[in-house]
Amino acid sequence: MYSISETTFFDRPTSIEHESGVITFGAFTVVEASKNAPVHFLGNARIGHQCYFSKNDSIKSPIVISNDVYVDSGCRIGADSKIGERTQVLYGATIFETVEIGSECIIGSDVSNWTRIDDRVTFFGTVVHSNRKVEDMGAWNTDPHPAPHIKSDAFIGEASLLIGGIEIGQSSYVTAGEIVRSNIEAESIFVRGKLFPLSRFKNFIST
């Protein structure tokens, strides 16, 4: 593990070798840190240009983070994950292993293993996997479980729950606190357990 314990500005592309791998920082990347709130990098990481990491972040390898990504304080990003350009990870969110996040997303809560999030998604919900058999306990961390695919320009409201390998359609809207167990059609809104065309709410909601 490589820890940065003071605020560091990389004014040019920089590679740092450490005991568990190599970290490559793009130019104009900032790591905000202190002795009491270091930023930890475990293993190999490829960081783009003009990224910003905050105090108490933890980054686990292997990982690819594209240009202009902002990671708020106290966030964790798991191994084998990818984050697209100009995405923001906020409010101490955890991105677990093998997650793919597109460009220009806002991630404000935890994203579970194997979830796919396309471009320009706003995500404030929670992802859970479908129930499994007790005898499958040993495969929990090794075998992929069905996880949601959230398509571009979708909005996932605060404290909504996405269960299993469902698809959230392009430009769809899931309101706060909903439990979603099946696919959501593109350009639709899921509210109070029912699905409606988003056009019916065009004067009330902007995505």
N, C-alpha and C. Protein backbone atom coordinates (compact mmCIF):
# COMPACT_ATOMS: atom_id res chain seq x y z
N MET A 1 0.83 -1.20 0.00
CA MET A 1 0.00 0.00 0.00
C MET A 1 0.87 1.25 0.00
N TYR A 2 0.44 2.25 -0.77
CA TYR A 2 1.15 3.53 -0.82
C TYR A 2 0.21 4.60 -0.27
N SER A 3 0.67 5.33 0.72
CA SER A 3 -0.15 6.36 1.37
C SER A 3 0.45 7.73 1.13
N ILE A 4 -0.41 8.69 0.84
CA ILE A 4 -0.01 10.09 0.71
C ILE A 4 -0.58 10.84 1.91
N SER A 5 0.30 11.45 2.69
CA SER A 5 -0.13 12.05 3.96
C SER A 5 0.02 13.57 4.00
N GLU A 6 0.22 14.17 2.83
CA GLU A 6 0.17 15.62 2.72
C GLU A 6 -0.35 15.98 1.34
N THR A 7 -0.98 17.12 1.22
CA THR A 7 -1.56 17.51 -0.05
C THR A 7 -0.47 17.61 -1.12
N THR A 8 -0.72 16.93 -2.24
CA THR A 8 0.30 16.80 -3.29
C THR A 8 -0.31 17.19 -4.64
N PHE A 9 0.43 17.99 -5.39
CA PHE A 9 0.01 18.40 -6.73
C PHE A 9 0.98 17.82 -7.74
N PHE A 10 0.47 17.03 -8.68
CA PHE A 10 1.30 16.45 -9.73
C PHE A 10 1.16 17.34 -10.97
N ASP A 11 2.21 18.13 -11.24
CA ASP A 11 2.13 19.08 -12.36
C ASP A 11 2.48 18.45 -13.70
N ARG A 12 2.89 17.20 -13.67
CA ARG A 12 3.20 16.47 -14.90
C ARG A 12 2.89 14.99 -14.66
N PRO A 13 2.73 14.19 -15.73
CA PRO A 13 2.50 12.76 -15.53
C PRO A 13 3.60 12.15 -14.67
N THR A 14 3.20 11.39 -13.66
CA THR A 14 4.15 10.87 -12.67
C THR A 14 3.82 9.42 -12.36
N SER A 15 4.84 8.57 -12.38
CA SER A 15 4.68 7.17 -11.98
C SER A 15 5.40 6.94 -10.66
N ILE A 16 4.73 6.27 -9.75
CA ILE A 16 5.30 5.97 -8.44
C ILE A 16 5.28 4.46 -8.23
N GLU A 17 6.45 3.88 -8.07
CA GLU A 17 6.54 2.46 -7.76
C GLU A 17 6.54 2.28 -6.24
N HIS A 18 5.78 1.30 -5.78
CA HIS A 18 5.76 1.00 -4.35
C HIS A 18 5.70 -0.51 -4.19
N GLU A 19 5.63 -0.97 -2.96
CA GLU A 19 5.80 -2.40 -2.69
C GLU A 19 4.72 -3.28 -3.30
N SER A 20 3.54 -2.73 -3.58
CA SER A 20 2.46 -3.56 -4.12
C SER A 20 2.06 -3.19 -5.54
N GLY A 21 2.81 -2.31 -6.20
CA GLY A 21 2.47 -1.99 -7.57
C GLY A 21 2.99 -0.65 -8.04
N VAL A 22 2.36 -0.13 -9.09
CA VAL A 22 2.75 1.15 -9.68
C VAL A 22 1.50 2.03 -9.82
N ILE A 23 1.62 3.27 -9.40
CA ILE A 23 0.55 4.25 -9.57
C ILE A 23 1.01 5.28 -10.59
N THR A 24 0.18 5.52 -11.60
CA THR A 24 0.47 6.54 -12.59
C THR A 24 -0.54 7.68 -12.45
N PHE A 25 -0.04 8.86 -12.13
CA PHE A 25 -0.89 10.04 -11.99
C PHE A 25 -0.77 10.90 -13.25
N GLY A 26 -1.91 11.36 -13.78
CA GLY A 26 -1.88 12.30 -14.89
C GLY A 26 -1.52 13.70 -14.43
N ALA A 27 -1.21 14.55 -15.39
CA ALA A 27 -0.81 15.92 -15.06
C ALA A 27 -1.95 16.69 -14.41
N PHE A 28 -1.57 17.60 -13.51
CA PHE A 28 -2.50 18.51 -12.84
C PHE A 28 -3.51 17.77 -11.95
N THR A 29 -3.10 16.63 -11.44
CA THR A 29 -3.92 15.89 -10.48
C THR A 29 -3.54 16.31 -9.06
N VAL A 30 -4.55 16.42 -8.19
CA VAL A 30 -4.34 16.83 -6.81
C VAL A 30 -4.79 15.72 -5.87
N VAL A 31 -3.97 15.44 -4.87
CA VAL A 31 -4.35 14.54 -3.78
C VAL A 31 -4.35 15.36 -2.50
N GLU A 32 -5.54 15.62 -1.96
CA GLU A 32 -5.68 16.37 -0.72
C GLU A 32 -5.56 15.41 0.45
N ALA A 33 -4.56 15.60 1.30
CA ALA A 33 -4.32 14.65 2.38
C ALA A 33 -3.60 15.34 3.54
N SER A 34 -3.59 14.65 4.68
CA SER A 34 -2.84 15.11 5.85
C SER A 34 -2.41 13.89 6.64
N LYS A 35 -1.58 14.08 7.65
CA LYS A 35 -1.13 12.96 8.46
C LYS A 35 -2.30 12.25 9.14
N ASN A 36 -3.29 13.01 9.55
CA ASN A 36 -4.45 12.43 10.21
C ASN A 36 -5.51 11.92 9.24
N ALA A 37 -5.38 12.28 7.99
CA ALA A 37 -6.36 11.88 6.98
C ALA A 37 -5.66 11.59 5.67
N PRO A 38 -4.86 10.51 5.62
CA PRO A 38 -4.12 10.19 4.40
C PRO A 38 -5.03 9.60 3.32
N VAL A 39 -4.51 9.55 2.11
CA VAL A 39 -5.16 8.86 1.01
C VAL A 39 -4.34 7.61 0.70
N HIS A 40 -5.02 6.46 0.60
CA HIS A 40 -4.34 5.18 0.43
C HIS A 40 -4.55 4.63 -0.98
N PHE A 41 -3.48 4.16 -1.59
CA PHE A 41 -3.52 3.47 -2.87
C PHE A 41 -2.94 2.08 -2.68
N LEU A 42 -3.71 1.06 -3.03
CA LEU A 42 -3.25 -0.32 -2.88
C LEU A 42 -3.08 -0.94 -4.26
N GLY A 43 -1.84 -1.32 -4.61
CA GLY A 43 -1.57 -1.97 -5.88
C GLY A 43 -1.45 -1.01 -7.03
N ASN A 44 -1.83 -1.47 -8.23
CA ASN A 44 -1.68 -0.68 -9.45
C ASN A 44 -2.89 0.22 -9.68
N ALA A 45 -2.61 1.44 -10.11
CA ALA A 45 -3.69 2.37 -10.44
C ALA A 45 -3.25 3.26 -11.58
N ARG A 46 -4.18 3.54 -12.50
CA ARG A 46 -3.91 4.47 -13.59
C ARG A 46 -4.89 5.63 -13.46
N ILE A 47 -4.36 6.79 -13.13
CA ILE A 47 -5.16 7.98 -12.83
C ILE A 47 -5.00 8.98 -13.96
N GLY A 48 -6.09 9.54 -14.45
CA GLY A 48 -6.04 10.49 -15.56
C GLY A 48 -5.58 11.87 -15.14
N HIS A 49 -5.64 12.80 -16.09
CA HIS A 49 -5.25 14.19 -15.85
C HIS A 49 -6.34 14.93 -15.06
N GLN A 50 -5.92 15.91 -14.29
CA GLN A 50 -6.82 16.85 -13.61
C GLN A 50 -7.84 16.16 -12.71
N CYS A 51 -7.43 15.10 -12.06
CA CYS A 51 -8.28 14.43 -11.08
C CYS A 51 -8.06 15.05 -9.70
N TYR A 52 -9.01 14.80 -8.81
CA TYR A 52 -8.91 15.35 -7.46
C TYR A 52 -9.36 14.29 -6.46
N PHE A 53 -8.45 13.96 -5.54
CA PHE A 53 -8.76 13.02 -4.46
C PHE A 53 -8.75 13.77 -3.14
N SER A 54 -9.62 13.35 -2.21
CA SER A 54 -9.79 14.07 -0.96
C SER A 54 -9.35 13.21 0.22
N LYS A 55 -9.34 13.82 1.38
CA LYS A 55 -8.85 13.17 2.60
C LYS A 55 -9.60 11.86 2.89
N ASN A 56 -8.84 10.87 3.36
CA ASN A 56 -9.37 9.57 3.79
C ASN A 56 -9.92 8.73 2.65
N ASP A 57 -9.59 9.04 1.41
CA ASP A 57 -9.98 8.17 0.30
C ASP A 57 -9.13 6.91 0.30
N SER A 58 -9.70 5.84 -0.26
CA SER A 58 -8.98 4.57 -0.38
C SER A 58 -9.22 4.01 -1.78
N ILE A 59 -8.13 3.74 -2.50
CA ILE A 59 -8.21 3.29 -3.89
C ILE A 59 -7.51 1.93 -3.98
N LYS A 60 -8.24 0.91 -4.44
CA LYS A 60 -7.70 -0.45 -4.49
C LYS A 60 -7.51 -0.89 -5.93
N SER A 61 -6.41 -1.58 -6.19
CA SER A 61 -6.05 -1.93 -7.56
C SER A 61 -6.60 -3.30 -7.97
N PRO A 62 -6.51 -3.59 -9.28
CA PRO A 62 -6.18 -2.66 -10.36
C PRO A 62 -7.38 -1.78 -10.68
N ILE A 63 -7.12 -0.55 -11.08
CA ILE A 63 -8.21 0.39 -11.30
C ILE A 63 -7.81 1.40 -12.36
N VAL A 64 -8.81 1.89 -13.11
CA VAL A 64 -8.58 2.92 -14.11
C VAL A 64 -9.55 4.07 -13.82
N ILE A 65 -9.00 5.26 -13.60
CA ILE A 65 -9.80 6.46 -13.36
C ILE A 65 -9.44 7.47 -14.44
N SER A 66 -10.43 7.90 -15.20
CA SER A 66 -10.18 8.77 -16.36
C SER A 66 -9.98 10.22 -15.95
N ASN A 67 -9.85 11.10 -16.93
CA ASN A 67 -9.55 12.51 -16.68
C ASN A 67 -10.67 13.23 -15.95
N ASP A 68 -10.28 14.25 -15.16
CA ASP A 68 -11.23 15.19 -14.55
C ASP A 68 -12.22 14.52 -13.59
N VAL A 69 -11.82 13.46 -12.95
CA VAL A 69 -12.69 12.79 -11.97
C VAL A 69 -12.47 13.41 -10.59
N TYR A 70 -13.55 13.68 -9.89
CA TYR A 70 -13.48 14.22 -8.53
C TYR A 70 -13.96 13.16 -7.55
N VAL A 71 -13.14 12.89 -6.52
CA VAL A 71 -13.50 11.92 -5.49
C VAL A 71 -13.55 12.65 -4.15
N ASP A 72 -14.72 12.72 -3.57
CA ASP A 72 -14.95 13.43 -2.32
C ASP A 72 -14.28 12.70 -1.15
N SER A 73 -14.22 13.34 -0.01
CA SER A 73 -13.52 12.76 1.15
C SER A 73 -14.22 11.50 1.66
N GLY A 74 -13.41 10.55 2.12
CA GLY A 74 -13.92 9.33 2.73
C GLY A 74 -14.48 8.31 1.77
N CYS A 75 -14.21 8.45 0.48
CA CYS A 75 -14.72 7.49 -0.51
C CYS A 75 -13.78 6.30 -0.65
N ARG A 76 -14.36 5.17 -1.06
CA ARG A 76 -13.57 3.96 -1.33
C ARG A 76 -13.92 3.48 -2.73
N ILE A 77 -12.88 3.16 -3.51
CA ILE A 77 -13.07 2.63 -4.85
C ILE A 77 -12.39 1.27 -4.93
N GLY A 78 -13.16 0.23 -5.25
CA GLY A 78 -12.67 -1.14 -5.21
C GLY A 78 -11.94 -1.57 -6.47
N ALA A 79 -11.33 -2.73 -6.38
CA ALA A 79 -10.50 -3.27 -7.45
C ALA A 79 -11.31 -3.59 -8.71
N ASP A 80 -10.61 -3.54 -9.84
CA ASP A 80 -11.17 -3.89 -11.15
C ASP A 80 -12.32 -2.99 -11.57
N SER A 81 -12.37 -1.80 -11.02
CA SER A 81 -13.41 -0.85 -11.39
C SER A 81 -12.87 0.19 -12.37
N LYS A 82 -13.77 0.80 -13.12
CA LYS A 82 -13.40 1.84 -14.08
C LYS A 82 -14.36 3.02 -13.92
N ILE A 83 -13.79 4.23 -13.97
CA ILE A 83 -14.59 5.44 -13.82
C ILE A 83 -14.29 6.37 -14.99
N GLY A 84 -15.34 6.83 -15.67
CA GLY A 84 -15.18 7.66 -16.85
C GLY A 84 -14.91 9.12 -16.55
N GLU A 85 -14.61 9.86 -17.58
CA GLU A 85 -14.21 11.27 -17.46
C GLU A 85 -15.30 12.13 -16.82
N ARG A 86 -14.84 13.09 -16.01
CA ARG A 86 -15.68 14.14 -15.42
C ARG A 86 -16.77 13.59 -14.50
N THR A 87 -16.58 12.40 -14.01
CA THR A 87 -17.51 11.84 -13.02
C THR A 87 -17.15 12.33 -11.63
N GLN A 88 -18.16 12.50 -10.78
CA GLN A 88 -17.96 12.90 -9.39
C GLN A 88 -18.45 11.78 -8.46
N VAL A 89 -17.59 11.41 -7.52
CA VAL A 89 -17.94 10.42 -6.49
C VAL A 89 -18.02 11.18 -5.18
N LEU A 90 -19.20 11.22 -4.55
CA LEU A 90 -19.47 12.15 -3.47
C LEU A 90 -19.85 11.47 -2.16
N TYR A 91 -19.81 12.25 -1.08
CA TYR A 91 -20.43 11.93 0.21
C TYR A 91 -19.95 10.62 0.82
N GLY A 92 -18.67 10.30 0.67
CA GLY A 92 -18.15 9.08 1.27
C GLY A 92 -18.64 7.81 0.63
N ALA A 93 -19.05 7.86 -0.62
CA ALA A 93 -19.58 6.68 -1.30
C ALA A 93 -18.52 5.60 -1.45
N THR A 94 -18.98 4.35 -1.47
CA THR A 94 -18.12 3.22 -1.75
C THR A 94 -18.50 2.62 -3.10
N ILE A 95 -17.53 2.50 -3.98
CA ILE A 95 -17.70 1.78 -5.23
C ILE A 95 -16.99 0.44 -5.04
N PHE A 96 -17.76 -0.63 -5.06
CA PHE A 96 -17.19 -1.94 -4.77
C PHE A 96 -16.45 -2.49 -5.99
N GLU A 97 -16.11 -3.77 -5.97
CA GLU A 97 -15.26 -4.35 -7.00
C GLU A 97 -16.01 -4.54 -8.33
N THR A 98 -15.23 -4.43 -9.42
CA THR A 98 -15.69 -4.75 -10.77
C THR A 98 -16.93 -3.94 -11.14
N VAL A 99 -16.87 -2.65 -10.88
CA VAL A 99 -17.94 -1.72 -11.24
C VAL A 99 -17.48 -0.88 -12.43
N GLU A 100 -18.36 -0.64 -13.37
CA GLU A 100 -18.06 0.23 -14.51
C GLU A 100 -18.97 1.46 -14.45
N ILE A 101 -18.36 2.63 -14.43
CA ILE A 101 -19.10 3.89 -14.38
C ILE A 101 -18.67 4.75 -15.55
N GLY A 102 -19.62 5.29 -16.27
CA GLY A 102 -19.32 6.08 -17.46
C GLY A 102 -18.88 7.49 -17.15
N SER A 103 -18.98 8.35 -18.15
CA SER A 103 -18.53 9.73 -18.04
C SER A 103 -19.64 10.64 -17.51
N GLU A 104 -19.24 11.71 -16.85
CA GLU A 104 -20.13 12.78 -16.41
C GLU A 104 -21.25 12.28 -15.51
N CYS A 105 -20.95 11.29 -14.68
CA CYS A 105 -21.92 10.78 -13.72
C CYS A 105 -21.77 11.49 -12.37
N ILE A 106 -22.83 11.45 -11.58
CA ILE A 106 -22.78 11.88 -10.19
C ILE A 106 -23.16 10.67 -9.34
N ILE A 107 -22.21 10.21 -8.53
CA ILE A 107 -22.41 9.02 -7.70
C ILE A 107 -22.43 9.48 -6.25
N GLY A 108 -23.60 9.40 -5.61
CA GLY A 108 -23.73 9.92 -4.26
C GLY A 108 -24.04 8.88 -3.22
N SER A 109 -23.93 7.59 -3.57
CA SER A 109 -24.13 6.52 -2.60
C SER A 109 -23.42 5.26 -3.09
N ASP A 110 -23.49 4.18 -2.30
CA ASP A 110 -22.70 2.99 -2.57
C ASP A 110 -23.17 2.26 -3.83
N VAL A 111 -22.20 1.71 -4.58
CA VAL A 111 -22.48 0.95 -5.80
C VAL A 111 -21.88 -0.44 -5.63
N SER A 112 -22.72 -1.47 -5.64
CA SER A 112 -22.27 -2.83 -5.36
C SER A 112 -21.54 -3.46 -6.54
N ASN A 113 -20.89 -4.60 -6.26
CA ASN A 113 -20.10 -5.33 -7.24
C ASN A 113 -20.87 -5.57 -8.54
N TRP A 114 -20.14 -5.48 -9.66
CA TRP A 114 -20.61 -5.86 -10.99
C TRP A 114 -21.67 -4.93 -11.58
N THR A 115 -21.96 -3.84 -10.94
CA THR A 115 -22.94 -2.89 -11.47
C THR A 115 -22.34 -2.13 -12.66
N ARG A 116 -23.16 -1.87 -13.67
CA ARG A 116 -22.75 -1.06 -14.83
C ARG A 116 -23.58 0.22 -14.87
N ILE A 117 -22.89 1.34 -14.94
CA ILE A 117 -23.55 2.64 -15.00
C ILE A 117 -23.03 3.37 -16.23
N ASP A 118 -23.93 3.72 -17.14
CA ASP A 118 -23.52 4.39 -18.37
C ASP A 118 -23.34 5.90 -18.14
N ASP A 119 -23.16 6.64 -19.21
CA ASP A 119 -22.82 8.07 -19.12
C ASP A 119 -23.96 8.91 -18.54
N ARG A 120 -23.57 9.98 -17.84
CA ARG A 120 -24.48 11.04 -17.38
C ARG A 120 -25.59 10.53 -16.48
N VAL A 121 -25.30 9.54 -15.68
CA VAL A 121 -26.26 9.01 -14.71
C VAL A 121 -26.08 9.72 -13.37
N THR A 122 -27.20 10.05 -12.74
CA THR A 122 -27.18 10.54 -11.36
C THR A 122 -27.68 9.42 -10.47
N PHE A 123 -26.85 9.02 -9.50
CA PHE A 123 -27.16 7.83 -8.70
C PHE A 123 -27.08 8.15 -7.21
N PHE A 124 -28.24 8.09 -6.53
CA PHE A 124 -28.29 8.26 -5.08
C PHE A 124 -28.99 7.08 -4.41
N GLY A 125 -29.10 5.97 -5.11
CA GLY A 125 -29.81 4.80 -4.58
C GLY A 125 -28.89 3.78 -3.95
N THR A 126 -29.40 2.54 -3.88
CA THR A 126 -28.64 1.42 -3.34
C THR A 126 -28.85 0.22 -4.24
N VAL A 127 -27.79 -0.55 -4.46
CA VAL A 127 -27.86 -1.77 -5.25
C VAL A 127 -27.71 -2.97 -4.33
N VAL A 128 -28.60 -3.96 -4.48
CA VAL A 128 -28.45 -5.23 -3.77
C VAL A 128 -28.59 -6.36 -4.77
N HIS A 129 -27.89 -7.46 -4.49
CA HIS A 129 -27.99 -8.63 -5.36
C HIS A 129 -29.17 -9.50 -4.94
N SER A 130 -29.65 -10.31 -5.87
CA SER A 130 -30.74 -11.23 -5.55
C SER A 130 -30.30 -12.22 -4.48
N ASN A 131 -31.29 -12.79 -3.77
CA ASN A 131 -30.96 -13.78 -2.75
C ASN A 131 -30.26 -14.98 -3.37
N ARG A 132 -29.43 -15.63 -2.58
CA ARG A 132 -28.70 -16.80 -3.05
C ARG A 132 -28.88 -17.93 -2.07
N LYS A 133 -28.53 -19.13 -2.48
CA LYS A 133 -28.65 -20.29 -1.61
C LYS A 133 -27.51 -20.30 -0.59
N VAL A 134 -27.80 -20.84 0.58
CA VAL A 134 -26.79 -20.88 1.64
C VAL A 134 -25.55 -21.65 1.19
N GLU A 135 -25.75 -22.72 0.40
CA GLU A 135 -24.61 -23.52 -0.02
C GLU A 135 -23.69 -22.77 -0.99
N ASP A 136 -24.12 -21.64 -1.50
CA ASP A 136 -23.29 -20.84 -2.41
C ASP A 136 -22.40 -19.84 -1.68
N MET A 137 -22.34 -19.93 -0.35
CA MET A 137 -21.61 -18.95 0.44
C MET A 137 -20.18 -18.76 -0.05
N GLY A 138 -19.50 -19.85 -0.38
CA GLY A 138 -18.10 -19.76 -0.78
C GLY A 138 -17.88 -19.01 -2.07
N ALA A 139 -18.93 -18.90 -2.90
CA ALA A 139 -18.79 -18.24 -4.20
C ALA A 139 -19.20 -16.77 -4.15
N TRP A 140 -19.51 -16.26 -2.97
CA TRP A 140 -20.04 -14.89 -2.87
C TRP A 140 -19.11 -13.85 -3.48
N ASN A 141 -17.80 -13.98 -3.22
CA ASN A 141 -16.86 -12.98 -3.70
C ASN A 141 -16.16 -13.35 -5.00
N THR A 142 -16.44 -14.55 -5.53
CA THR A 142 -15.71 -15.00 -6.71
C THR A 142 -16.60 -15.10 -7.95
N ASP A 143 -17.84 -15.53 -7.79
CA ASP A 143 -18.73 -15.68 -8.94
C ASP A 143 -19.60 -14.44 -9.11
N PRO A 144 -19.62 -13.85 -10.30
CA PRO A 144 -20.45 -12.66 -10.50
C PRO A 144 -21.93 -12.95 -10.25
N HIS A 145 -22.59 -12.04 -9.58
CA HIS A 145 -24.03 -12.12 -9.35
C HIS A 145 -24.71 -11.08 -10.23
N PRO A 146 -25.91 -11.38 -10.71
CA PRO A 146 -26.61 -10.39 -11.54
C PRO A 146 -26.72 -9.05 -10.83
N ALA A 147 -26.35 -8.00 -11.54
CA ALA A 147 -26.37 -6.65 -10.98
C ALA A 147 -27.00 -5.71 -11.99
N PRO A 148 -27.50 -4.58 -11.55
CA PRO A 148 -28.18 -3.66 -12.46
C PRO A 148 -27.27 -3.08 -13.54
N HIS A 149 -27.89 -2.78 -14.67
CA HIS A 149 -27.27 -1.98 -15.72
C HIS A 149 -28.11 -0.71 -15.84
N ILE A 150 -27.52 0.42 -15.49
CA ILE A 150 -28.22 1.70 -15.51
C ILE A 150 -27.78 2.45 -16.76
N LYS A 151 -28.69 2.67 -17.67
CA LYS A 151 -28.33 3.27 -18.96
C LYS A 151 -28.24 4.79 -18.87
N SER A 152 -27.68 5.37 -19.92
CA SER A 152 -27.29 6.78 -19.90
C SER A 152 -28.46 7.72 -19.59
N ASP A 153 -28.13 8.80 -18.89
CA ASP A 153 -29.06 9.90 -18.58
C ASP A 153 -30.17 9.50 -17.62
N ALA A 154 -30.03 8.37 -16.94
CA ALA A 154 -31.02 7.97 -15.94
C ALA A 154 -30.77 8.68 -14.62
N PHE A 155 -31.82 8.78 -13.83
CA PHE A 155 -31.74 9.39 -12.50
C PHE A 155 -32.27 8.39 -11.49
N ILE A 156 -31.44 8.07 -10.48
CA ILE A 156 -31.84 7.13 -9.42
C ILE A 156 -31.93 7.93 -8.13
N GLY A 157 -33.14 8.06 -7.60
CA GLY A 157 -33.39 8.94 -6.47
C GLY A 157 -32.87 8.42 -5.14
N GLU A 158 -32.84 9.31 -4.18
CA GLU A 158 -32.33 9.03 -2.84
C GLU A 158 -33.03 7.82 -2.22
N ALA A 159 -32.21 6.87 -1.69
CA ALA A 159 -32.68 5.71 -0.92
C ALA A 159 -33.54 4.75 -1.73
N SER A 160 -33.54 4.86 -3.05
CA SER A 160 -34.22 3.85 -3.86
C SER A 160 -33.36 2.58 -3.88
N LEU A 161 -34.01 1.43 -4.07
CA LEU A 161 -33.35 0.13 -3.97
C LEU A 161 -33.49 -0.61 -5.29
N LEU A 162 -32.36 -0.94 -5.93
CA LEU A 162 -32.35 -1.69 -7.17
C LEU A 162 -31.91 -3.11 -6.87
N ILE A 163 -32.73 -4.11 -7.22
CA ILE A 163 -32.48 -5.48 -6.82
C ILE A 163 -32.19 -6.35 -8.03
N GLY A 164 -31.03 -7.03 -8.03
CA GLY A 164 -30.69 -8.03 -9.03
C GLY A 164 -30.32 -7.46 -10.39
N GLY A 165 -30.35 -8.33 -11.39
CA GLY A 165 -29.85 -7.98 -12.72
C GLY A 165 -30.86 -7.27 -13.58
N ILE A 166 -31.38 -6.17 -13.11
CA ILE A 166 -32.38 -5.42 -13.86
C ILE A 166 -31.72 -4.37 -14.75
N GLU A 167 -32.52 -3.84 -15.67
CA GLU A 167 -32.03 -2.78 -16.56
C GLU A 167 -32.87 -1.52 -16.33
N ILE A 168 -32.17 -0.43 -16.08
CA ILE A 168 -32.82 0.86 -15.93
C ILE A 168 -32.62 1.61 -17.24
N GLY A 169 -33.69 1.88 -17.95
CA GLY A 169 -33.61 2.38 -19.31
C GLY A 169 -33.06 3.80 -19.43
N GLN A 170 -32.64 4.12 -20.63
CA GLN A 170 -32.07 5.44 -20.92
C GLN A 170 -33.08 6.55 -20.60
N SER A 171 -32.58 7.61 -19.97
CA SER A 171 -33.39 8.80 -19.65
C SER A 171 -34.60 8.48 -18.78
N SER A 172 -34.50 7.43 -17.97
CA SER A 172 -35.58 7.10 -17.05
C SER A 172 -35.33 7.74 -15.69
N TYR A 173 -36.36 7.70 -14.85
CA TYR A 173 -36.31 8.40 -13.56
C TYR A 173 -36.94 7.51 -12.50
N VAL A 174 -36.16 7.17 -11.47
CA VAL A 174 -36.66 6.41 -10.33
C VAL A 174 -36.74 7.36 -9.14
N THR A 175 -37.93 7.56 -8.61
CA THR A 175 -38.09 8.53 -7.53
C THR A 175 -37.55 7.99 -6.21
N ALA A 176 -37.39 8.86 -5.25
CA ALA A 176 -36.77 8.51 -3.97
C ALA A 176 -37.57 7.43 -3.24
N GLY A 177 -36.82 6.49 -2.65
CA GLY A 177 -37.41 5.49 -1.78
C GLY A 177 -38.09 4.33 -2.47
N GLU A 178 -38.01 4.24 -3.79
CA GLU A 178 -38.67 3.14 -4.51
C GLU A 178 -37.88 1.84 -4.39
N ILE A 179 -38.57 0.70 -4.47
CA ILE A 179 -37.95 -0.62 -4.55
C ILE A 179 -38.19 -1.13 -5.97
N VAL A 180 -37.11 -1.38 -6.70
CA VAL A 180 -37.21 -1.75 -8.11
C VAL A 180 -36.72 -3.18 -8.29
N ARG A 181 -37.63 -4.06 -8.73
CA ARG A 181 -37.30 -5.48 -8.91
C ARG A 181 -37.32 -5.92 -10.37
N SER A 182 -37.76 -5.05 -11.27
CA SER A 182 -37.85 -5.42 -12.68
C SER A 182 -37.39 -4.26 -13.55
N ASN A 183 -37.25 -4.51 -14.84
CA ASN A 183 -36.72 -3.51 -15.75
C ASN A 183 -37.57 -2.25 -15.78
N ILE A 184 -36.90 -1.13 -15.99
CA ILE A 184 -37.57 0.16 -16.17
C ILE A 184 -37.37 0.59 -17.62
N GLU A 185 -38.45 0.88 -18.30
CA GLU A 185 -38.36 1.25 -19.71
C GLU A 185 -37.69 2.61 -19.88
N ALA A 186 -37.12 2.81 -21.05
CA ALA A 186 -36.49 4.09 -21.36
C ALA A 186 -37.53 5.21 -21.32
N GLU A 187 -37.08 6.40 -20.91
CA GLU A 187 -37.91 7.60 -20.88
C GLU A 187 -39.20 7.38 -20.12
N SER A 188 -39.08 6.72 -18.97
CA SER A 188 -40.23 6.50 -18.11
C SER A 188 -39.88 6.91 -16.69
N ILE A 189 -40.90 7.01 -15.84
CA ILE A 189 -40.70 7.35 -14.44
C ILE A 189 -41.36 6.28 -13.57
N PHE A 190 -40.64 5.85 -12.55
CA PHE A 190 -41.15 4.86 -11.60
C PHE A 190 -41.43 5.58 -10.29
N VAL A 191 -42.72 5.66 -9.94
CA VAL A 191 -43.12 6.43 -8.76
C VAL A 191 -44.26 5.70 -8.05
N ARG A 192 -44.15 5.54 -6.74
CA ARG A 192 -45.15 4.84 -5.93
C ARG A 192 -45.44 3.45 -6.48
N GLY A 193 -44.39 2.78 -6.95
CA GLY A 193 -44.52 1.41 -7.42
C GLY A 193 -45.12 1.25 -8.79
N LYS A 194 -45.33 2.34 -9.51
CA LYS A 194 -45.94 2.26 -10.84
C LYS A 194 -45.06 2.98 -11.86
N LEU A 195 -45.21 2.53 -13.12
CA LEU A 195 -44.39 3.05 -14.20
C LEU A 195 -45.26 3.92 -15.12
N PHE A 196 -44.76 5.11 -15.43
CA PHE A 196 -45.48 6.03 -16.31
C PHE A 196 -44.52 6.59 -17.35
N PRO A 197 -45.03 7.05 -18.50
CA PRO A 197 -44.16 7.76 -19.44
C PRO A 197 -43.64 9.05 -18.79
N LEU A 198 -42.38 9.30 -18.95
CA LEU A 198 -41.79 10.48 -18.34
C LEU A 198 -42.41 11.76 -18.91
N SER A 199 -42.92 11.69 -20.13
CA SER A 199 -43.50 12.87 -20.77
C SER A 199 -44.70 13.42 -19.99
N ARG A 200 -45.35 12.56 -19.20
CA ARG A 200 -46.50 13.02 -18.41
C ARG A 200 -46.07 13.97 -17.30
N PHE A 201 -44.78 13.94 -16.97
CA PHE A 201 -44.27 14.76 -15.87
C PHE A 201 -43.29 15.82 -16.36
N LYS A 202 -43.35 16.14 -17.65
CA LYS A 202 -42.32 17.00 -18.24
C LYS A 202 -42.30 18.39 -17.63
N ASN A 203 -43.41 18.85 -17.06
CA ASN A 203 -43.44 20.17 -16.43
C ASN A 203 -42.98 20.16 -14.98
N PHE A 204 -42.70 18.94 -14.46
CA PHE A 204 -42.33 18.82 -13.05
C PHE A 204 -40.91 18.29 -12.85
N ILE A 205 -40.40 17.54 -13.82
CA ILE A 205 -39.11 16.87 -13.68
C ILE A 205 -38.25 17.17 -14.89
N SER A 206 -36.99 17.49 -14.62
CA SER A 206 -36.00 17.69 -15.69
C SER A 206 -34.86 16.73 -15.46
N THR A 207 -34.51 15.90 -16.46
CA THR A 207 -33.41 14.95 -16.32
C THR A 207 -32.23 15.39 -17.16
